[in-house]
């Protein structure tokens, strides 16, 4: 073969094998313009393509109308373009059209129709369509509620790496819905999603570390993930991080002001937990100037969302006339709402109110006075402070409260003033609620009493001596009261063993009596 011809042929074949650069088309130009914020150009290019029947451009043009980018916001026009795209079988258009039906934007709300469009996209393998269809099955919207079916669709989307579906699947494993509860699997899916930057998954993973579910308990890791999520504006992470600052956990200093800032961020997004916690800070003057009226305002916002703890707090404010005019009927109304949600604290307060009302109506006095406080003043009835269940849930292993109690001429507790409480978010209210139920002998004079309560999570050793045992069902399992008749110079000693939780208090009267107060120490 002629060498020159061979060389030319070889050069041709080599050139043919090399990639040939292609000029950017209208679609790429439109995407680039949109990314750069040149919405007018993006709109013009996408409209040209959409009118030529390009389903991707039709979906993208619909989104510009839905978002009001480069054009006046127009949901009806958005639906029209989404429909053109969806009817050509483009999964992205089907998902977008389904969303408009689900939310009633640009079209009459129709969750059944939304499910149909999500299903079309899901069956084409679209991860967003699969996740959305899973959500409709989980919540029973537009289709019969079926958590098993929801898990199946979440899993298909999650296995494609879709972060939102991974978080949803983790939540199903965490709660045991549609699958057996499996905290390790939950934490695994939360991690996959969190590592992609999904804010809700980061908050969920932080909670798993805080509570030791599916992973080794690690407050430092919890703080790290809460911080990542809170930085993206996730309200629950902000509230949880605020509590870490409040309690000085995870290597953070105790910082009430930082806690208030985070609670406020969460509260202003409408999160009931944040609203309640912010109310607590205003009620107690922690990190802010004490303001009972502002506390009531935030408690009410959370209570109206059905948050039981806030309903109880609001009820107590009405009962005590703090930040609002005293209104026992309104107090009972909110306390009943909380009690209906199995809030033990609310139920205990209601029981006390009902008991006091019954005693007053019958005009009777309890028999066998117990626990002498001072000569002429004897405590007749009332509840002892109990370790707050919320403090146990949060892993708070100790607390201390000192309070003064004003006793009126009739022997009723007129007022309770917290002198010092550490931490007040949980323990001071437990003391106030108990003291409000106390009843003393009527001495015709007013007296002031003082109580110091120490809360701790540690094993209680039973005292020696003859004991009586009474078993009851408690929130955290079975427990028993072990009483000993052993006497000390300050009165009878009592112990109640409740797992490893104990509450001890010392009461004394600090009136004008000069013979010295009698003391009663009770372990509970």
Protein backbone atom coordinates (compact mmCIF):
# COMPACT_ATOMS: atom_id res chain seq x y z
CA UNK A 1 0.00 0.00 0.00
CA UNK A 2 1.17 3.52 -0.76
CA UNK A 3 2.70 4.80 2.46
CA UNK A 4 1.21 8.25 2.03
CA UNK A 5 -2.25 6.82 1.54
CA UNK A 6 -1.72 4.58 4.55
CA UNK A 7 -0.69 7.52 6.71
CA UNK A 8 -3.75 9.53 5.66
CA UNK A 9 -6.01 6.56 6.37
CA UNK A 10 -4.40 6.07 9.79
CA UNK A 11 -4.83 9.76 10.61
CA UNK A 12 -8.49 9.59 9.59
CA UNK A 13 -9.16 6.53 11.72
CA UNK A 14 -7.42 8.13 14.69
CA UNK A 15 -9.43 11.30 14.34
CA UNK A 16 -12.64 9.34 14.07
CA UNK A 17 -11.87 7.54 17.33
CA UNK A 18 -11.39 10.77 19.33
CA UNK A 19 -14.37 12.37 21.13
CA UNK A 20 -15.83 15.22 19.17
CA UNK A 21 -16.82 18.27 21.26
CA UNK A 22 -20.46 19.21 20.77
CA UNK A 23 -21.82 22.68 21.23
CA UNK A 24 -24.15 23.25 24.18
CA UNK A 25 -27.80 22.98 23.19
CA UNK A 26 -30.77 25.13 24.22
CA UNK A 27 -31.55 22.86 27.20
CA UNK A 28 -28.04 23.19 28.63
CA UNK A 29 -28.06 26.92 27.98
CA UNK A 30 -31.41 27.25 29.77
CA UNK A 31 -30.12 25.31 32.78
CA UNK A 32 -26.97 27.41 32.95
CA UNK A 33 -28.96 30.65 32.73
CA UNK A 34 -31.29 29.45 35.51
CA UNK A 35 -28.36 28.48 37.72
CA UNK A 36 -26.81 31.90 37.23
CA UNK A 37 -30.05 33.66 38.14
CA UNK A 38 -30.78 34.80 34.58
CA UNK A 39 -34.39 33.73 34.76
CA UNK A 40 -35.54 35.76 31.75
CA UNK A 41 -33.18 33.86 29.45
CA UNK A 42 -34.00 30.54 31.07
CA UNK A 43 -37.73 31.23 30.65
CA UNK A 44 -37.35 32.12 26.97
CA UNK A 45 -35.26 29.04 26.12
CA UNK A 46 -37.44 26.65 28.12
CA UNK A 47 -40.63 28.01 26.59
CA UNK A 48 -39.25 27.44 23.09
CA UNK A 49 -38.35 23.85 23.96
CA UNK A 50 -41.63 23.21 25.81
CA UNK A 51 -43.69 24.40 22.86
CA UNK A 52 -41.75 21.94 20.72
CA UNK A 53 -42.93 19.13 23.02
CA UNK A 54 -39.82 18.58 25.17
CA UNK A 55 -41.23 16.95 28.38
CA UNK A 56 -38.25 17.98 30.53
CA UNK A 57 -38.57 21.58 29.43
CA UNK A 58 -42.32 21.44 30.04
CA UNK A 59 -41.71 20.31 33.61
CA UNK A 60 -39.01 22.96 34.13
CA UNK A 61 -41.21 25.70 32.66
CA UNK A 62 -44.04 24.63 34.96
CA UNK A 63 -41.70 24.94 37.93
CA UNK A 64 -40.79 28.49 36.95
CA UNK A 65 -44.49 29.38 36.97
CA UNK A 66 -44.99 27.58 40.29
CA UNK A 67 -42.06 29.41 41.91
CA UNK A 68 -42.57 32.77 40.21
CA UNK A 69 -39.05 32.78 38.73
CA UNK A 70 -38.77 35.04 35.67
CA UNK A 71 -42.53 35.26 35.47
CA UNK A 72 -45.46 36.11 37.73
CA UNK A 73 -46.31 33.18 39.97
CA UNK A 74 -49.16 31.27 38.33
CA UNK A 75 -50.12 27.84 39.69
CA UNK A 76 -52.73 27.27 36.97
CA UNK A 77 -50.13 27.70 34.22
CA UNK A 78 -47.74 25.52 36.21
CA UNK A 79 -50.32 22.72 36.28
CA UNK A 80 -50.90 23.04 32.54
CA UNK A 81 -47.21 22.55 31.74
CA UNK A 82 -46.78 19.79 34.32
CA UNK A 83 -49.70 17.95 32.76
CA UNK A 84 -48.23 18.18 29.25
CA UNK A 85 -45.00 16.69 30.60
CA UNK A 86 -46.73 13.99 32.69
CA UNK A 87 -48.95 12.84 29.84
CA UNK A 88 -45.84 12.13 27.80
CA UNK A 89 -44.75 9.70 30.52
CA UNK A 90 -42.00 11.86 32.03
CA UNK A 91 -41.70 10.83 35.70
CA UNK A 92 -40.56 14.27 36.82
CA UNK A 93 -43.71 15.84 35.35
CA UNK A 94 -45.86 13.14 36.94
CA UNK A 95 -44.40 13.80 40.39
CA UNK A 96 -44.86 17.56 40.00
CA UNK A 97 -48.46 17.19 38.85
CA UNK A 98 -49.16 14.80 41.73
CA UNK A 99 -47.84 17.36 44.18
CA UNK A 100 -50.15 20.04 42.81
CA UNK A 101 -53.13 17.71 43.29
CA UNK A 102 -51.94 16.78 46.80
CA UNK A 103 -51.67 20.41 47.89
CA UNK A 104 -54.51 21.86 45.83
CA UNK A 105 -52.32 24.35 43.99
CA UNK A 106 -53.66 25.43 40.58
CA UNK A 107 -56.20 22.64 40.70
CA UNK A 108 -58.85 21.36 43.09
CA UNK A 109 -57.22 19.34 45.85
CA UNK A 110 -57.55 15.64 45.06
CA UNK A 111 -55.36 13.24 47.03
CA UNK A 112 -56.65 10.22 45.10
CA UNK A 113 -55.50 11.82 41.85
CA UNK A 114 -52.20 12.72 43.51
CA UNK A 115 -51.64 9.07 44.42
CA UNK A 116 -52.28 8.00 40.82
CA UNK A 117 -49.64 10.34 39.44
CA UNK A 118 -47.14 9.43 42.17
CA UNK A 119 -47.74 5.76 41.39
CA UNK A 120 -47.07 6.27 37.67
CA UNK A 121 -43.75 7.91 38.51
CA UNK A 122 -42.87 5.35 41.18
CA UNK A 123 -43.49 2.43 38.83
CA UNK A 124 -41.05 4.03 36.40
CA UNK A 125 -38.42 3.87 39.16
CA UNK A 126 -38.48 7.56 40.09
CA UNK A 127 -37.16 7.84 43.69
CA UNK A 128 -39.14 11.00 44.48
CA UNK A 129 -42.34 9.38 43.24
CA UNK A 130 -41.60 6.29 45.32
CA UNK A 131 -40.96 8.34 48.46
CA UNK A 132 -44.12 10.42 47.92
CA UNK A 133 -46.22 7.30 47.31
CA UNK A 134 -44.79 5.78 50.49
CA UNK A 135 -45.82 8.88 52.43
CA UNK A 136 -49.38 8.68 51.10
CA UNK A 137 -49.60 5.04 52.22
CA UNK A 138 -48.06 5.88 55.61
CA UNK A 139 -50.58 8.64 56.32
CA UNK A 140 -53.60 7.14 54.54
CA UNK A 141 -54.01 10.11 52.22
CA UNK A 142 -55.72 9.29 48.93
CA UNK A 143 -55.30 5.60 49.65
CA UNK A 144 -55.96 3.18 52.51
CA UNK A 145 -53.38 3.55 55.27
CA UNK A 146 -50.84 0.76 54.92
CA UNK A 147 -47.54 1.15 56.75
CA UNK A 148 -46.15 -2.09 55.34
CA UNK A 149 -46.72 -0.77 51.81
CA UNK A 150 -45.21 2.56 52.85
CA UNK A 151 -42.03 0.82 54.00
CA UNK A 152 -41.74 -1.01 50.70
CA UNK A 153 -41.84 2.21 48.69
CA UNK A 154 -39.54 4.04 51.10
CA UNK A 155 -37.05 1.20 50.78
CA UNK A 156 -37.06 1.32 46.97
CA UNK A 157 -36.33 5.03 47.04
CA UNK A 158 -33.82 4.73 49.88
CA UNK A 159 -31.83 2.08 48.08
CA UNK A 160 -31.45 4.54 45.21
CA UNK A 161 -29.78 6.92 47.67
CA UNK A 162 -32.68 9.36 48.04
CA UNK A 163 -31.99 11.07 51.37
CA UNK A 164 -35.58 11.92 52.29
CA UNK A 165 -36.67 8.33 51.82
CA UNK A 166 -33.72 7.09 53.88
CA UNK A 167 -34.80 9.34 56.74
CA UNK A 168 -38.42 8.18 56.43
CA UNK A 169 -37.37 4.54 56.41
CA UNK A 170 -35.24 5.14 59.49
CA UNK A 171 -38.24 6.61 61.29
CA UNK A 172 -40.34 3.54 60.46
CA UNK A 173 -37.66 1.25 61.94
CA UNK A 174 -37.28 3.52 64.98
CA UNK A 175 -41.02 3.50 65.72
CA UNK A 176 -41.71 -0.09 64.66
CA UNK A 177 -44.25 0.91 62.03
CA UNK A 178 -44.60 -1.36 59.01
CA UNK A 179 -41.53 -3.28 60.21
CA UNK A 180 -40.40 -4.70 63.56
CA UNK A 181 -38.73 -2.04 65.66
CA UNK A 182 -34.98 -2.05 65.02
CA UNK A 183 -33.02 0.87 66.46
CA UNK A 184 -29.76 -0.21 64.84
CA UNK A 185 -31.38 -0.26 61.39
CA UNK A 186 -33.02 3.09 62.13
CA UNK A 187 -29.69 4.66 63.08
CA UNK A 188 -28.10 3.20 59.96
CA UNK A 189 -30.65 4.77 57.62
CA UNK A 190 -30.57 8.07 59.51
CA UNK A 191 -26.79 8.11 59.08
CA UNK A 192 -26.97 7.49 55.32
CA UNK A 193 -29.37 10.39 54.97
CA UNK A 194 -27.57 12.66 57.44
CA UNK A 195 -24.26 12.23 55.66
CA UNK A 196 -25.94 13.61 52.55
CA UNK A 197 -26.81 16.72 54.53
CA UNK A 198 -30.50 16.00 55.15
CA UNK A 199 -31.38 18.22 58.12
CA UNK A 200 -34.18 16.14 59.61
CA UNK A 201 -32.08 12.99 59.47
CA UNK A 202 -29.24 14.81 61.21
CA UNK A 203 -31.64 15.76 64.02
CA UNK A 204 -32.90 12.18 64.21
CA UNK A 205 -29.38 10.76 64.33
CA UNK A 206 -28.52 13.25 67.08
CA UNK A 207 -31.50 12.00 69.09
CA UNK A 208 -30.34 8.39 68.68
CA UNK A 209 -26.94 9.33 70.10
CA UNK A 210 -28.51 11.35 72.92
CA UNK A 211 -30.73 8.46 74.01
CA UNK A 212 -28.39 5.60 73.12
CA UNK A 213 -30.85 3.96 70.74
CA UNK A 214 -29.20 1.84 68.07
CA UNK A 215 -25.81 3.39 68.87
CA UNK A 216 -23.68 3.82 71.97
CA UNK A 217 -24.95 6.78 73.99
CA UNK A 218 -22.73 9.76 73.15
CA UNK A 219 -23.80 13.30 74.04
CA UNK A 220 -20.86 14.77 72.13
CA UNK A 221 -21.99 13.08 68.91
CA UNK A 222 -25.55 14.15 69.63
CA UNK A 223 -24.44 17.78 69.91
CA UNK A 224 -22.46 17.51 66.67
CA UNK A 225 -25.44 16.26 64.66
CA UNK A 226 -27.88 18.64 66.34
CA UNK A 227 -25.57 21.51 65.46
CA UNK A 228 -25.37 20.48 61.80
CA UNK A 229 -29.16 20.23 61.59
CA UNK A 230 -29.83 23.40 63.58
CA UNK A 231 -27.50 25.29 61.26
CA UNK A 232 -29.87 24.39 58.42
CA UNK A 233 -32.81 25.76 60.40
CA UNK A 234 -34.31 22.48 61.63
CA UNK A 235 -36.57 23.48 64.53
CA UNK A 236 -36.40 20.22 66.48
CA UNK A 237 -32.62 20.19 66.34
CA UNK A 238 -32.58 23.79 67.57
CA UNK A 239 -34.79 22.88 70.54
CA UNK A 240 -32.75 19.78 71.37
CA UNK A 241 -29.47 21.67 71.08
CA UNK A 242 -30.95 24.32 73.35
CA UNK A 243 -31.60 21.66 75.98
CA UNK A 244 -28.01 20.44 75.69
CA UNK A 245 -26.84 23.99 76.47
CA UNK A 246 -29.39 24.29 79.27
CA UNK A 247 -28.11 21.13 80.95
CA UNK A 248 -24.44 21.53 80.00
CA UNK A 249 -24.24 18.21 78.18
CA UNK A 250 -22.11 16.93 75.32
CA UNK A 251 -19.11 19.04 76.27
CA UNK A 252 -21.13 22.26 76.18
CA UNK A 253 -21.08 24.76 79.02
CA UNK A 254 -24.32 25.48 80.85
CA UNK A 255 -25.55 28.56 78.99
CA UNK A 256 -29.10 29.75 79.58
CA UNK A 257 -28.83 32.62 77.09
CA UNK A 258 -27.71 30.30 74.29
CA UNK A 259 -30.51 27.91 75.22
CA UNK A 260 -33.04 30.75 75.03
CA UNK A 261 -31.80 31.79 71.59
CA UNK A 262 -32.16 28.26 70.25
CA UNK A 263 -35.55 27.71 71.89
CA UNK A 264 -36.73 30.99 70.38
CA UNK A 265 -35.58 29.98 66.89
CA UNK A 266 -37.52 26.74 67.21
CA UNK A 267 -40.55 28.42 68.80
CA UNK A 268 -40.83 31.02 66.07
CA UNK A 269 -41.01 28.20 63.51
CA UNK A 270 -44.06 26.89 65.38
CA UNK A 271 -42.44 23.91 67.12
CA UNK A 272 -44.46 23.17 70.27
CA UNK A 273 -41.42 21.79 72.12
CA UNK A 274 -39.51 25.02 71.51
CA UNK A 275 -42.49 27.14 72.51
CA UNK A 276 -42.93 25.25 75.78
CA UNK A 277 -39.23 25.40 76.63
CA UNK A 278 -39.10 29.12 75.89
CA UNK A 279 -42.10 29.55 78.18
CA UNK A 280 -40.23 27.74 80.94
CA UNK A 281 -37.28 30.13 80.57
CA UNK A 282 -39.56 33.17 80.88
CA UNK A 283 -41.43 31.61 83.81
CA UNK A 284 -38.19 30.98 85.72
CA UNK A 285 -36.15 33.96 84.51
CA UNK A 286 -33.46 31.76 83.03
CA UNK A 287 -31.46 33.52 80.29
CA UNK A 288 -34.13 36.24 80.09
CA UNK A 289 -35.79 38.69 82.45
CA UNK A 290 -38.48 36.80 84.34
CA UNK A 291 -41.87 37.47 82.72
CA UNK A 292 -44.83 35.29 83.68
CA UNK A 293 -47.13 36.88 81.08
CA UNK A 294 -44.66 36.05 78.31
CA UNK A 295 -44.36 32.53 79.70
CA UNK A 296 -48.14 32.14 79.48
CA UNK A 297 -48.09 33.39 75.88
CA UNK A 298 -45.62 30.70 74.80
CA UNK A 299 -47.24 27.96 76.88
CA UNK A 300 -50.56 28.78 75.21
CA UNK A 301 -49.07 28.55 71.70
CA UNK A 302 -47.70 25.09 72.45
CA UNK A 303 -50.81 23.99 74.36
CA UNK A 304 -53.07 24.91 71.47
CA UNK A 305 -51.05 22.52 69.30
CA UNK A 306 -51.95 19.73 71.72
CA UNK A 307 -48.55 19.53 73.46
CA UNK A 308 -49.37 17.91 76.80
CA UNK A 309 -46.46 19.31 78.82
CA UNK A 310 -47.39 22.85 77.78
CA UNK A 311 -51.06 22.21 78.59
CA UNK A 312 -50.03 21.20 82.09
CA UNK A 313 -47.77 24.24 82.46
CA UNK A 314 -50.53 26.54 81.26
CA UNK A 315 -53.00 24.95 83.63
CA UNK A 316 -50.67 25.54 86.55
CA UNK A 317 -50.25 29.20 85.57
CA UNK A 318 -54.04 29.63 85.63
CA UNK A 319 -54.27 27.77 88.92
CA UNK A 320 -51.62 29.96 90.56
CA UNK A 321 -52.56 33.22 88.84
CA UNK A 322 -49.09 33.69 87.40
CA UNK A 323 -48.99 35.88 84.28
CA UNK A 324 -52.76 35.61 84.03
CA UNK A 325 -55.76 36.11 86.29
CA UNK A 326 -56.34 33.13 88.53
CA UNK A 327 -59.01 30.93 86.97
CA UNK A 328 -59.48 27.49 88.49
CA UNK A 329 -61.98 26.42 85.83
CA UNK A 330 -59.54 27.29 83.04
CA UNK A 331 -56.76 25.55 84.94
CA UNK A 332 -58.80 22.36 85.16
CA UNK A 333 -59.73 22.57 81.48
CA UNK A 334 -56.08 22.60 80.36
CA UNK A 335 -55.02 20.02 82.91
CA UNK A 336 -57.73 17.67 81.69
CA UNK A 337 -56.54 18.06 78.10
CA UNK A 338 -53.06 17.03 79.22
CA UNK A 339 -54.35 14.19 81.40
CA UNK A 340 -56.29 12.80 78.44
CA UNK A 341 -52.90 12.37 76.78
CA UNK A 342 -51.68 10.33 79.79
CA UNK A 343 -49.63 13.19 81.24
CA UNK A 344 -48.96 11.90 84.77
CA UNK A 345 -48.14 15.31 86.21
CA UNK A 346 -51.43 16.78 85.00
CA UNK A 347 -53.37 13.83 86.38
CA UNK A 348 -51.67 14.18 89.76
CA UNK A 349 -52.54 17.87 89.97
CA UNK A 350 -56.14 17.17 88.97
CA UNK A 351 -56.40 14.47 91.63
CA UNK A 352 -55.14 16.95 94.21
CA UNK A 353 -57.59 19.63 93.12
CA UNK A 354 -60.49 17.20 93.21
CA UNK A 355 -59.45 15.90 96.61
CA UNK A 356 -59.22 19.38 98.08
CA UNK A 357 -62.61 20.26 96.63
CA UNK A 358 -64.12 17.12 98.12
CA UNK A 359 -62.55 17.82 101.51
CA UNK A 360 -63.82 21.40 101.45
CA UNK A 361 -67.31 20.29 100.44
CA UNK A 362 -67.52 17.71 103.19
CA UNK A 363 -66.04 20.15 105.72
CA UNK A 364 -64.01 17.32 107.21
CA UNK A 365 -60.45 17.11 108.42
CA UNK A 366 -58.09 14.17 107.77
CA UNK A 367 -57.46 11.95 110.78
CA UNK A 368 -54.20 10.74 112.28
CA UNK A 369 -52.05 13.86 111.78
CA UNK A 370 -48.57 12.97 110.57
CA UNK A 371 -45.20 14.63 110.14
CA UNK A 372 -45.13 17.35 112.83
CA UNK A 373 -43.64 20.56 111.52
CA UNK A 374 -43.66 22.68 114.69
CA UNK A 375 -45.63 23.04 117.85
CA UNK A 376 -49.15 24.04 116.92
CA UNK A 377 -48.56 23.42 113.19
CA UNK A 378 -48.97 19.89 111.84
CA UNK A 379 -49.02 18.75 108.25
CA UNK A 380 -52.24 16.83 107.73
CA UNK A 381 -52.20 15.82 104.08
CA UNK A 382 -50.55 16.35 100.72
CA UNK A 383 -48.31 14.79 98.14
CA UNK A 384 -44.55 14.39 98.46
CA UNK A 385 -42.40 15.70 95.59
CA UNK A 386 -41.69 13.05 92.96
CA UNK A 387 -38.79 12.70 90.57
CA UNK A 388 -40.05 14.27 87.31
CA UNK A 389 -40.45 11.70 84.56
CA UNK A 390 -39.19 14.19 81.97
CA UNK A 391 -35.97 14.64 83.92
CA UNK A 392 -35.49 10.87 83.95
CA UNK A 393 -36.09 10.75 80.19
CA UNK A 394 -33.53 13.49 79.62
CA UNK A 395 -30.96 11.66 81.73
CA UNK A 396 -30.69 14.38 84.38
CA UNK A 397 -29.23 12.60 87.40
CA UNK A 398 -29.60 15.22 90.11
CA UNK A 399 -31.33 18.42 91.10
CA UNK A 400 -31.94 20.61 94.11
CA UNK A 401 -34.74 23.00 95.00
CA UNK A 402 -35.16 25.32 97.98
CA UNK A 403 -38.58 26.92 98.44
CA UNK A 404 -40.55 28.95 100.96
CA UNK A 405 -44.18 28.13 101.68
CA UNK A 406 -46.72 30.62 102.95
CA UNK A 407 -49.40 28.98 105.14
CA UNK A 408 -52.57 30.93 105.78
CA UNK A 409 -54.76 31.05 108.91
CA UNK A 410 -56.82 28.09 107.67
CA UNK A 411 -53.79 25.89 107.19
CA UNK A 412 -53.86 26.08 103.40
CA UNK A 413 -50.79 26.78 101.33
CA UNK A 414 -51.25 30.34 100.16
CA UNK A 415 -48.14 30.66 98.03
CA UNK A 416 -44.92 28.88 97.11
CA UNK A 417 -41.80 30.85 96.23
CA UNK A 418 -38.83 29.09 94.68
CA UNK A 419 -35.70 30.48 96.30
CA UNK A 420 -33.28 28.44 94.23
CA UNK A 421 -33.63 25.57 91.77
CA UNK A 422 -31.02 23.65 89.84
CA UNK A 423 -32.08 22.93 87.13
CA UNK A 424 -35.43 24.71 87.31
CA UNK A 425 -36.82 23.46 84.02
CA UNK A 426 -37.73 20.14 85.58
CA UNK A 427 -37.47 20.10 89.36
CA UNK A 428 -38.94 23.38 90.63
CA UNK A 429 -42.37 22.69 89.17
CA UNK A 430 -42.39 19.21 90.73
CA UNK A 431 -41.86 20.83 94.14
CA UNK A 432 -44.48 23.55 93.57
CA UNK A 433 -47.07 21.01 92.42
CA UNK A 434 -46.53 18.87 95.53
CA UNK A 435 -46.52 21.75 98.01
CA UNK A 436 -49.75 23.16 96.58
CA UNK A 437 -51.48 20.01 97.83
CA UNK A 438 -50.26 20.30 101.43
CA UNK A 439 -52.74 20.98 104.23
CA UNK A 440 -51.86 22.00 107.81
CA UNK A 441 -53.75 22.47 111.05
CA UNK A 442 -55.50 25.82 111.24
CA UNK A 443 -53.69 27.89 113.87
CA UNK A 444 -55.39 31.23 113.27
CA UNK A 445 -52.07 32.75 112.25
CA UNK A 446 -49.93 32.84 109.15
CA UNK A 447 -46.67 30.93 109.07
CA UNK A 448 -43.75 30.56 106.70
CA UNK A 449 -42.17 27.20 106.04
CA UNK A 450 -39.04 26.25 104.16
CA UNK A 451 -38.31 23.09 102.23
CA UNK A 452 -35.14 21.84 100.57
CA UNK A 453 -35.51 18.96 98.14
CA UNK A 454 -32.66 16.95 96.67
CA UNK A 455 -33.28 14.76 93.63
CA UNK A 456 -30.81 12.09 92.58
CA UNK A 457 -30.54 8.91 90.53
CA UNK A 458 -28.84 6.45 92.87
CA UNK A 459 -29.60 3.21 94.66
CA UNK A 460 -31.57 3.55 97.87
CA UNK A 461 -30.58 1.26 100.77
CA UNK A 462 -33.49 0.13 102.87
CA UNK A 463 -33.33 0.91 106.57
CA UNK A 464 -33.34 -1.88 109.06
CA UNK A 465 -36.37 -2.53 111.17
CA UNK A 466 -39.89 -3.73 110.65
CA UNK A 467 -41.16 -2.87 107.17
CA UNK A 468 -44.48 -2.88 105.36
CA UNK A 469 -44.41 -3.47 101.61
CA UNK A 470 -46.93 -2.01 99.13
CA UNK A 471 -46.65 -2.68 95.39
CA UNK A 472 -48.01 -0.46 92.64
CA UNK A 473 -47.62 -0.06 88.90
CA UNK A 474 -45.40 2.89 88.02
CA UNK A 475 -44.53 4.64 84.76
CA UNK A 476 -41.11 2.97 84.69
CA UNK A 477 -42.18 -0.48 85.95
CA UNK A 478 -42.93 -1.97 89.35
CA UNK A 479 -41.71 -0.27 92.50
CA UNK A 480 -42.37 -0.55 96.20
CA UNK A 481 -42.61 1.61 99.28
CA UNK A 482 -40.53 0.32 102.16
CA UNK A 483 -41.33 2.11 105.41
CA UNK A 484 -39.38 1.90 108.63
CA UNK A 485 -40.65 3.02 112.07
CA UNK A 486 -37.11 3.96 113.13
CA UNK A 487 -37.14 7.32 114.88
CA UNK A 488 -34.46 9.97 115.02
CA UNK A 489 -34.27 13.18 116.92
CA UNK A 490 -35.94 14.89 113.99
CA UNK A 491 -38.83 12.55 113.44
CA UNK A 492 -39.67 9.38 111.48
CA UNK A 493 -37.61 8.37 108.43
CA UNK A 494 -39.30 7.10 105.27
CA UNK A 495 -37.82 5.58 102.14
CA UNK A 496 -39.36 4.73 98.82
CA UNK A 497 -37.33 2.71 96.34
CA UNK A 498 -38.15 3.38 92.68
CA UNK A 499 -35.54 1.66 90.57
CA UNK A 500 -32.53 3.86 91.30
CA UNK A 501 -34.39 7.16 91.69
CA UNK A 502 -34.71 8.90 95.01
CA UNK A 503 -35.99 12.20 96.29
CA UNK A 504 -35.12 13.45 99.77
CA UNK A 505 -36.52 16.55 101.42
CA UNK A 506 -36.21 18.39 104.70
CA UNK A 507 -39.07 20.58 105.92
CA UNK A 508 -39.09 23.13 108.68
CA UNK A 509 -41.27 26.00 109.86
CA UNK A 510 -39.47 29.34 110.12
CA UNK A 511 -42.09 31.43 111.92
CA UNK A 512 -41.58 33.45 115.14
CA UNK A 513 -41.57 30.37 117.35
CA UNK A 514 -38.31 30.41 119.33
CA UNK A 515 -38.22 26.83 120.62
CA UNK A 516 -36.62 25.65 117.40
CA UNK A 517 -38.27 23.92 114.49
CA UNK A 518 -38.90 20.22 114.34
CA UNK A 519 -37.67 18.57 111.18
CA UNK A 520 -38.91 15.64 109.22
CA UNK A 521 -36.65 13.99 106.67
CA UNK A 522 -38.32 11.88 104.03
CA UNK A 523 -36.60 9.79 101.35
CA UNK A 524 -38.62 9.21 98.24
